[in-house]
């Protein structure tokens, strides 16, 4: 690995650490208990359909308009929400083959952002493996985007942990701003049309993951 590449990896690692200082996972963190999101079933995770837009009244106001609201400082980037179209990207998998998000269209996809140094990320791998084994042939795919780690290390890690789903190393961190990643693990669930149907921050448990997948597959 040349010095420029090492410098780039170092800068990326520093950036990811700065972004995740308040996150569920920081370098070297080990979970004492798997953190569950507030939602515990598919109905809560997926939520109701967005309500129809209500048109504004066309009649003139009968009272003077209210004073303009004070200026509010812009908030930081927020995760994508249900109904969003996920940004496209192309990354090489562990065999060096370019893979784009678009090629998984037609399947229910768990788009998972993770790192091997993250204890919470490691804790959800067995649950992901179990669900993937049962539904991989039924229209379900896991796309695991690794943030900032060397592909050679990931090949060994994947083999040791039985990860058979596609792993896409994002060495330069291009997906971090695209997907507004503020903590890991972070997962987006896409339907067969490629639309975000649910987001899940933190390590997911097998029962919750299985319920979401079955719901999106229509089972």
C-alpha atoms as a PDB file:
ATOM      1  CA  UNK A   1       0.000   0.000   0.000  1.00  0.00           C
ATOM      2  CA  UNK A   2       1.631   3.337  -1.035  1.00  0.00           C
ATOM      3  CA  UNK A   3       1.983   6.310   1.303  1.00  0.00           C
ATOM      4  CA  UNK A   4      -0.761   8.321  -0.404  1.00  0.00           C
ATOM      5  CA  UNK A   5      -3.255   5.466   0.075  1.00  0.00           C
ATOM      6  CA  UNK A   6      -2.232   5.085   3.737  1.00  0.00           C
ATOM      7  CA  UNK A   7      -2.681   8.815   4.263  1.00  0.00           C
ATOM      8  CA  UNK A   8      -6.129   8.676   2.657  1.00  0.00           C
ATOM      9  CA  UNK A   9      -7.173   5.787   4.911  1.00  0.00           C
ATOM     10  CA  UNK A  10      -5.890   7.655   7.961  1.00  0.00           C
ATOM     11  CA  UNK A  11      -7.855  10.771   7.038  1.00  0.00           C
ATOM     12  CA  UNK A  12     -10.992   8.709   6.416  1.00  0.00           C
ATOM     13  CA  UNK A  13     -10.656   6.954   9.773  1.00  0.00           C
ATOM     14  CA  UNK A  14     -10.280  10.321  11.492  1.00  0.00           C
ATOM     15  CA  UNK A  15     -13.367  11.627   9.697  1.00  0.00           C
ATOM     16  CA  UNK A  16     -15.463   8.597  10.635  1.00  0.00           C
ATOM     17  CA  UNK A  17     -14.346   8.845  14.266  1.00  0.00           C
ATOM     18  CA  UNK A  18     -15.311  12.546  14.382  1.00  0.00           C
ATOM     19  CA  UNK A  19     -18.724  11.823  12.858  1.00  0.00           C
ATOM     20  CA  UNK A  20     -19.428   8.963  15.271  1.00  0.00           C
ATOM     21  CA  UNK A  21     -18.278  10.467  18.583  1.00  0.00           C
ATOM     22  CA  UNK A  22     -21.893  10.566  19.769  1.00  0.00           C
ATOM     23  CA  UNK A  23     -22.935   7.445  17.934  1.00  0.00           C
ATOM     24  CA  UNK A  24     -23.901   3.965  19.060  1.00  0.00           C
ATOM     25  CA  UNK A  25     -20.472   2.713  18.091  1.00  0.00           C
ATOM     26  CA  UNK A  26     -16.993   4.167  18.494  1.00  0.00           C
ATOM     27  CA  UNK A  27     -13.664   2.441  17.768  1.00  0.00           C
ATOM     28  CA  UNK A  28     -13.077  -0.396  20.186  1.00  0.00           C
ATOM     29  CA  UNK A  29     -16.577  -0.273  21.690  1.00  0.00           C
ATOM     30  CA  UNK A  30     -17.923  -3.535  23.022  1.00  0.00           C
ATOM     31  CA  UNK A  31     -21.664  -3.960  23.656  1.00  0.00           C
ATOM     32  CA  UNK A  32     -22.748  -4.917  27.147  1.00  0.00           C
ATOM     33  CA  UNK A  33     -26.250  -5.412  25.748  1.00  0.00           C
ATOM     34  CA  UNK A  34     -27.477  -5.261  22.200  1.00  0.00           C
ATOM     35  CA  UNK A  35     -29.114  -1.819  21.724  1.00  0.00           C
ATOM     36  CA  UNK A  36     -32.589  -2.145  20.251  1.00  0.00           C
ATOM     37  CA  UNK A  37     -34.326   0.684  18.478  1.00  0.00           C
ATOM     38  CA  UNK A  38     -37.627   1.819  19.967  1.00  0.00           C
ATOM     39  CA  UNK A  39     -39.557  -0.065  17.326  1.00  0.00           C
ATOM     40  CA  UNK A  40     -39.814  -3.780  18.027  1.00  0.00           C
ATOM     41  CA  UNK A  41     -42.020  -5.023  15.218  1.00  0.00           C
ATOM     42  CA  UNK A  42     -42.558  -4.421  11.538  1.00  0.00           C
ATOM     43  CA  UNK A  43     -45.700  -2.346  12.014  1.00  0.00           C
ATOM     44  CA  UNK A  44     -43.798   0.080  14.230  1.00  0.00           C
ATOM     45  CA  UNK A  45     -40.636   0.059  12.103  1.00  0.00           C
ATOM     46  CA  UNK A  46     -42.408   0.490   8.791  1.00  0.00           C
ATOM     47  CA  UNK A  47     -45.070   2.815  10.176  1.00  0.00           C
ATOM     48  CA  UNK A  48     -48.328   3.899   8.560  1.00  0.00           C
ATOM     49  CA  UNK A  49     -48.608   5.197   5.048  1.00  0.00           C
ATOM     50  CA  UNK A  50     -47.971   8.968   4.832  1.00  0.00           C
ATOM     51  CA  UNK A  51     -51.285  10.909   5.000  1.00  0.00           C
ATOM     52  CA  UNK A  52     -52.543  12.642   1.843  1.00  0.00           C
ATOM     53  CA  UNK A  53     -51.520  16.255   1.380  1.00  0.00           C
ATOM     54  CA  UNK A  54     -54.207  18.739   2.451  1.00  0.00           C
ATOM     55  CA  UNK A  55     -54.638  21.739   0.202  1.00  0.00           C
ATOM     56  CA  UNK A  56     -54.410  25.203   1.756  1.00  0.00           C
ATOM     57  CA  UNK A  57     -57.699  27.148   1.967  1.00  0.00           C
ATOM     58  CA  UNK A  58     -58.371  29.461  -0.958  1.00  0.00           C
ATOM     59  CA  UNK A  59     -60.409  32.070   0.976  1.00  0.00           C
ATOM     60  CA  UNK A  60     -58.770  35.290   2.158  1.00  0.00           C
ATOM     61  CA  UNK A  61     -57.719  35.433   5.816  1.00  0.00           C
ATOM     62  CA  UNK A  62     -60.060  37.288   8.177  1.00  0.00           C
ATOM     63  CA  UNK A  63     -57.274  38.390  10.495  1.00  0.00           C
ATOM     64  CA  UNK A  64     -53.910  40.066   9.911  1.00  0.00           C
ATOM     65  CA  UNK A  65     -51.124  37.644   9.035  1.00  0.00           C
ATOM     66  CA  UNK A  66     -48.986  36.474  11.898  1.00  0.00           C
ATOM     67  CA  UNK A  67     -45.522  37.877  12.334  1.00  0.00           C
ATOM     68  CA  UNK A  68     -42.827  35.799  10.652  1.00  0.00           C
ATOM     69  CA  UNK A  69     -41.313  33.115  12.831  1.00  0.00           C
ATOM     70  CA  UNK A  70     -37.798  33.762  14.106  1.00  0.00           C
ATOM     71  CA  UNK A  71     -35.013  32.312  12.064  1.00  0.00           C
ATOM     72  CA  UNK A  72     -33.987  28.842  13.227  1.00  0.00           C
ATOM     73  CA  UNK A  73     -30.474  27.534  12.718  1.00  0.00           C
ATOM     74  CA  UNK A  74     -30.402  24.690  10.176  1.00  0.00           C
ATOM     75  CA  UNK A  75     -30.295  21.218  11.651  1.00  0.00           C
ATOM     76  CA  UNK A  76     -27.629  18.679  10.839  1.00  0.00           C
ATOM     77  CA  UNK A  77     -28.183  16.010   8.197  1.00  0.00           C
ATOM     78  CA  UNK A  78     -30.957  13.545   9.008  1.00  0.00           C
ATOM     79  CA  UNK A  79     -31.269   9.901   7.906  1.00  0.00           C
ATOM     80  CA  UNK A  80     -33.337   9.127   4.837  1.00  0.00           C
ATOM     81  CA  UNK A  81     -36.998   8.541   5.622  1.00  0.00           C
ATOM     82  CA  UNK A  82     -39.672   6.189   4.341  1.00  0.00           C
ATOM     83  CA  UNK A  83     -40.547   6.898   0.736  1.00  0.00           C
ATOM     84  CA  UNK A  84     -37.106   8.299  -0.103  1.00  0.00           C
ATOM     85  CA  UNK A  85     -35.222   7.195  -3.180  1.00  0.00           C
ATOM     86  CA  UNK A  86     -31.811   5.968  -1.974  1.00  0.00           C
ATOM     87  CA  UNK A  87     -28.793   7.589  -3.645  1.00  0.00           C
ATOM     88  CA  UNK A  88     -27.099   5.396  -6.230  1.00  0.00           C
ATOM     89  CA  UNK A  89     -23.479   4.330  -5.815  1.00  0.00           C
ATOM     90  CA  UNK A  90     -21.037   1.800  -7.234  1.00  0.00           C
ATOM     91  CA  UNK A  91     -18.391   0.033  -5.148  1.00  0.00           C
ATOM     92  CA  UNK A  92     -16.227  -3.025  -5.725  1.00  0.00           C
ATOM     93  CA  UNK A  93     -17.068  -6.153  -3.768  1.00  0.00           C
ATOM     94  CA  UNK A  94     -14.447  -8.329  -2.071  1.00  0.00           C
ATOM     95  CA  UNK A  95     -13.595 -10.005  -5.387  1.00  0.00           C
ATOM     96  CA  UNK A  96     -12.990  -6.650  -7.077  1.00  0.00           C
ATOM     97  CA  UNK A  97     -16.219  -6.702  -9.112  1.00  0.00           C
ATOM     98  CA  UNK A  98     -18.036  -3.339  -9.371  1.00  0.00           C
ATOM     99  CA  UNK A  99     -21.508  -3.565  -7.832  1.00  0.00           C
ATOM    100  CA  UNK A 100     -24.143  -0.852  -8.052  1.00  0.00           C
ATOM    101  CA  UNK A 101     -27.182  -0.473  -5.835  1.00  0.00           C
ATOM    102  CA  UNK A 102     -29.368  -0.462  -8.930  1.00  0.00           C
ATOM    103  CA  UNK A 103     -28.486  -4.041  -9.803  1.00  0.00           C
ATOM    104  CA  UNK A 104     -30.330  -5.251  -6.693  1.00  0.00           C
ATOM    105  CA  UNK A 105     -33.597  -3.715  -7.907  1.00  0.00           C
ATOM    106  CA  UNK A 106     -36.421  -6.259  -7.853  1.00  0.00           C
ATOM    107  CA  UNK A 107     -35.379  -7.605  -4.441  1.00  0.00           C
ATOM    108  CA  UNK A 108     -36.053  -6.545  -0.883  1.00  0.00           C
ATOM    109  CA  UNK A 109     -32.726  -5.147   0.295  1.00  0.00           C
ATOM    110  CA  UNK A 110     -31.233  -4.555   3.724  1.00  0.00           C
ATOM    111  CA  UNK A 111     -28.611  -1.869   3.063  1.00  0.00           C
ATOM    112  CA  UNK A 112     -26.368  -2.092   6.099  1.00  0.00           C
ATOM    113  CA  UNK A 113     -23.517   0.300   7.010  1.00  0.00           C
ATOM    114  CA  UNK A 114     -20.955  -1.165   9.388  1.00  0.00           C
ATOM    115  CA  UNK A 115     -17.312  -1.646  10.412  1.00  0.00           C
ATOM    116  CA  UNK A 116     -15.539  -4.644  11.897  1.00  0.00           C
ATOM    117  CA  UNK A 117     -14.121  -2.599  14.804  1.00  0.00           C
ATOM    118  CA  UNK A 118     -17.672  -1.738  15.926  1.00  0.00           C
ATOM    119  CA  UNK A 119     -18.825  -4.103  18.659  1.00  0.00           C
ATOM    120  CA  UNK A 120     -22.498  -3.422  18.008  1.00  0.00           C
ATOM    121  CA  UNK A 121     -21.993  -4.143  14.305  1.00  0.00           C
ATOM    122  CA  UNK A 122     -20.372  -7.465  15.132  1.00  0.00           C
ATOM    123  CA  UNK A 123     -23.220  -8.361  17.494  1.00  0.00           C
ATOM    124  CA  UNK A 124     -25.847  -8.218  14.718  1.00  0.00           C
ATOM    125  CA  UNK A 125     -23.906 -10.328  12.191  1.00  0.00           C
ATOM    126  CA  UNK A 126     -25.196 -13.722  13.475  1.00  0.00           C
ATOM    127  CA  UNK A 127     -28.784 -12.423  13.241  1.00  0.00           C
ATOM    128  CA  UNK A 128     -28.208 -11.176   9.703  1.00  0.00           C
ATOM    129  CA  UNK A 129     -26.616 -14.503   8.731  1.00  0.00           C
ATOM    130  CA  UNK A 130     -29.596 -16.480  10.059  1.00  0.00           C
ATOM    131  CA  UNK A 131     -32.222 -14.398   8.244  1.00  0.00           C
ATOM    132  CA  UNK A 132     -30.163 -14.281   5.049  1.00  0.00           C
ATOM    133  CA  UNK A 133     -29.869 -18.065   5.037  1.00  0.00           C
ATOM    134  CA  UNK A 134     -33.662 -18.421   5.192  1.00  0.00           C
ATOM    135  CA  UNK A 135     -34.691 -15.706   2.716  1.00  0.00           C
ATOM    136  CA  UNK A 136     -31.826 -15.217   0.261  1.00  0.00           C
ATOM    137  CA  UNK A 137     -33.574 -17.412  -2.275  1.00  0.00           C
ATOM    138  CA  UNK A 138     -36.942 -15.708  -1.801  1.00  0.00           C
ATOM    139  CA  UNK A 139     -36.161 -12.224  -3.066  1.00  0.00           C
ATOM    140  CA  UNK A 140     -34.171 -10.879  -0.103  1.00  0.00           C
ATOM    141  CA  UNK A 141     -30.627  -9.518  -0.266  1.00  0.00           C
ATOM    142  CA  UNK A 142     -28.251  -7.930   2.238  1.00  0.00           C
ATOM    143  CA  UNK A 143     -25.807  -5.348   0.915  1.00  0.00           C
ATOM    144  CA  UNK A 144     -23.235  -4.625   3.620  1.00  0.00           C
ATOM    145  CA  UNK A 145     -21.283  -1.413   3.009  1.00  0.00           C
ATOM    146  CA  UNK A 146     -18.142  -1.378   5.115  1.00  0.00           C
ATOM    147  CA  UNK A 147     -16.771   2.036   6.028  1.00  0.00           C
ATOM    148  CA  UNK A 148     -13.071   2.687   5.680  1.00  0.00           C
ATOM    149  CA  UNK A 149     -11.449  -0.736   6.064  1.00  0.00           C
ATOM    150  CA  UNK A 150      -8.974  -2.629   3.908  1.00  0.00           C
ATOM    151  CA  UNK A 151     -10.562  -5.251   1.604  1.00  0.00           C
ATOM    152  CA  UNK A 152      -7.933  -7.854   2.508  1.00  0.00           C
ATOM    153  CA  UNK A 153      -8.835  -7.576   6.191  1.00  0.00           C
ATOM    154  CA  UNK A 154     -12.526  -7.784   5.296  1.00  0.00           C
ATOM    155  CA  UNK A 155     -12.061 -10.965   3.258  1.00  0.00           C
ATOM    156  CA  UNK A 156     -10.604 -12.676   6.311  1.00  0.00           C
ATOM    157  CA  UNK A 157     -13.228 -11.199   8.638  1.00  0.00           C
ATOM    158  CA  UNK A 158     -16.095 -12.295   6.376  1.00  0.00           C
ATOM    159  CA  UNK A 159     -14.749 -15.839   6.158  1.00  0.00           C
ATOM    160  CA  UNK A 160     -14.330 -16.081   9.922  1.00  0.00           C
ATOM    161  CA  UNK A 161     -17.858 -14.802  10.562  1.00  0.00           C
ATOM    162  CA  UNK A 162     -19.725 -16.734   7.847  1.00  0.00           C
ATOM    163  CA  UNK A 163     -20.850 -13.612   5.975  1.00  0.00           C
ATOM    164  CA  UNK A 164     -22.098 -14.877   2.606  1.00  0.00           C
ATOM    165  CA  UNK A 165     -23.961 -11.753   1.497  1.00  0.00           C
ATOM    166  CA  UNK A 166     -22.269  -9.056  -0.642  1.00  0.00           C
ATOM    167  CA  UNK A 167     -19.782  -6.890   1.224  1.00  0.00           C
ATOM    168  CA  UNK A 168     -18.801  -3.620  -0.443  1.00  0.00           C
ATOM    169  CA  UNK A 169     -15.770  -1.854   1.062  1.00  0.00           C
ATOM    170  CA  UNK A 170     -16.200   1.922   0.931  1.00  0.00           C
ATOM    171  CA  UNK A 171     -12.549   2.758   1.494  1.00  0.00           C
ATOM    172  CA  UNK A 172     -12.933   6.450   0.689  1.00  0.00           C
ATOM    173  CA  UNK A 173     -16.216   6.939   2.558  1.00  0.00           C
ATOM    174  CA  UNK A 174     -18.255   8.185  -0.392  1.00  0.00           C
ATOM    175  CA  UNK A 175     -21.505   6.788   1.025  1.00  0.00           C
ATOM    176  CA  UNK A 176     -21.210   8.576   4.385  1.00  0.00           C
ATOM    177  CA  UNK A 177     -22.485  11.960   3.120  1.00  0.00           C
ATOM    178  CA  UNK A 178     -24.773  10.323   0.553  1.00  0.00           C
ATOM    179  CA  UNK A 179     -26.664   8.408   3.228  1.00  0.00           C
ATOM    180  CA  UNK A 180     -26.119  10.915   6.042  1.00  0.00           C
ATOM    181  CA  UNK A 181     -24.498   8.281   8.248  1.00  0.00           C
ATOM    182  CA  UNK A 182     -24.097   9.604  11.792  1.00  0.00           C
ATOM    183  CA  UNK A 183     -23.715   6.303  13.635  1.00  0.00           C
ATOM    184  CA  UNK A 184     -23.204   2.629  12.889  1.00  0.00           C
ATOM    185  CA  UNK A 185     -24.637   0.110  12.531  1.00  0.00           C
ATOM    186  CA  UNK A 186     -27.264   1.791  10.364  1.00  0.00           C
ATOM    187  CA  UNK A 187     -29.650  -0.055   8.062  1.00  0.00           C
ATOM    188  CA  UNK A 188     -32.074   1.007   5.356  1.00  0.00           C
ATOM    189  CA  UNK A 189     -34.717  -1.423   4.099  1.00  0.00           C
ATOM    190  CA  UNK A 190     -35.642  -1.046   0.424  1.00  0.00           C
ATOM    191  CA  UNK A 191     -38.624  -2.618  -1.297  1.00  0.00           C
ATOM    192  CA  UNK A 192     -38.462  -4.312  -4.702  1.00  0.00           C
ATOM    193  CA  UNK A 193     -38.942  -0.931  -6.371  1.00  0.00           C
ATOM    194  CA  UNK A 194     -35.828   0.389  -4.654  1.00  0.00           C
ATOM    195  CA  UNK A 195     -37.701   2.746  -2.307  1.00  0.00           C
ATOM    196  CA  UNK A 196     -36.784   3.162   1.378  1.00  0.00           C
ATOM    197  CA  UNK A 197     -39.501   1.560   3.506  1.00  0.00           C
ATOM    198  CA  UNK A 198     -37.785   1.578   6.899  1.00  0.00           C
ATOM    199  CA  UNK A 199     -34.657   2.725   8.672  1.00  0.00           C
ATOM    200  CA  UNK A 200     -33.060   1.073  11.682  1.00  0.00           C
ATOM    201  CA  UNK A 201     -30.327   2.653  13.807  1.00  0.00           C
ATOM    202  CA  UNK A 202     -28.392   0.300  16.079  1.00  0.00           C
ATOM    203  CA  UNK A 203     -27.853  -3.447  16.207  1.00  0.00           C
ATOM    204  CA  UNK A 204     -30.921  -5.323  14.990  1.00  0.00           C
ATOM    205  CA  UNK A 205     -32.165  -8.547  16.558  1.00  0.00           C
ATOM    206  CA  UNK A 206     -33.104 -11.602  14.510  1.00  0.00           C
ATOM    207  CA  UNK A 207     -36.812 -11.510  15.385  1.00  0.00           C
ATOM    208  CA  UNK A 208     -37.171  -7.876  14.357  1.00  0.00           C
ATOM    209  CA  UNK A 209     -35.175  -8.362  11.161  1.00  0.00           C
ATOM    210  CA  UNK A 210     -37.133 -11.479  10.241  1.00  0.00           C
ATOM    211  CA  UNK A 211     -40.456  -9.674  10.753  1.00  0.00           C
ATOM    212  CA  UNK A 212     -39.417  -6.704   8.606  1.00  0.00           C
ATOM    213  CA  UNK A 213     -38.204  -8.968   5.805  1.00  0.00           C
ATOM    214  CA  UNK A 214     -41.365 -11.082   5.815  1.00  0.00           C
ATOM    215  CA  UNK A 215     -43.519  -7.953   5.759  1.00  0.00           C
ATOM    216  CA  UNK A 216     -41.674  -6.445   2.808  1.00  0.00           C
ATOM    217  CA  UNK A 217     -41.768  -9.782   0.963  1.00  0.00           C
ATOM    218  CA  UNK A 218     -45.530  -9.912   1.535  1.00  0.00           C
ATOM    219  CA  UNK A 219     -45.410 -13.107   3.560  1.00  0.00           C
END
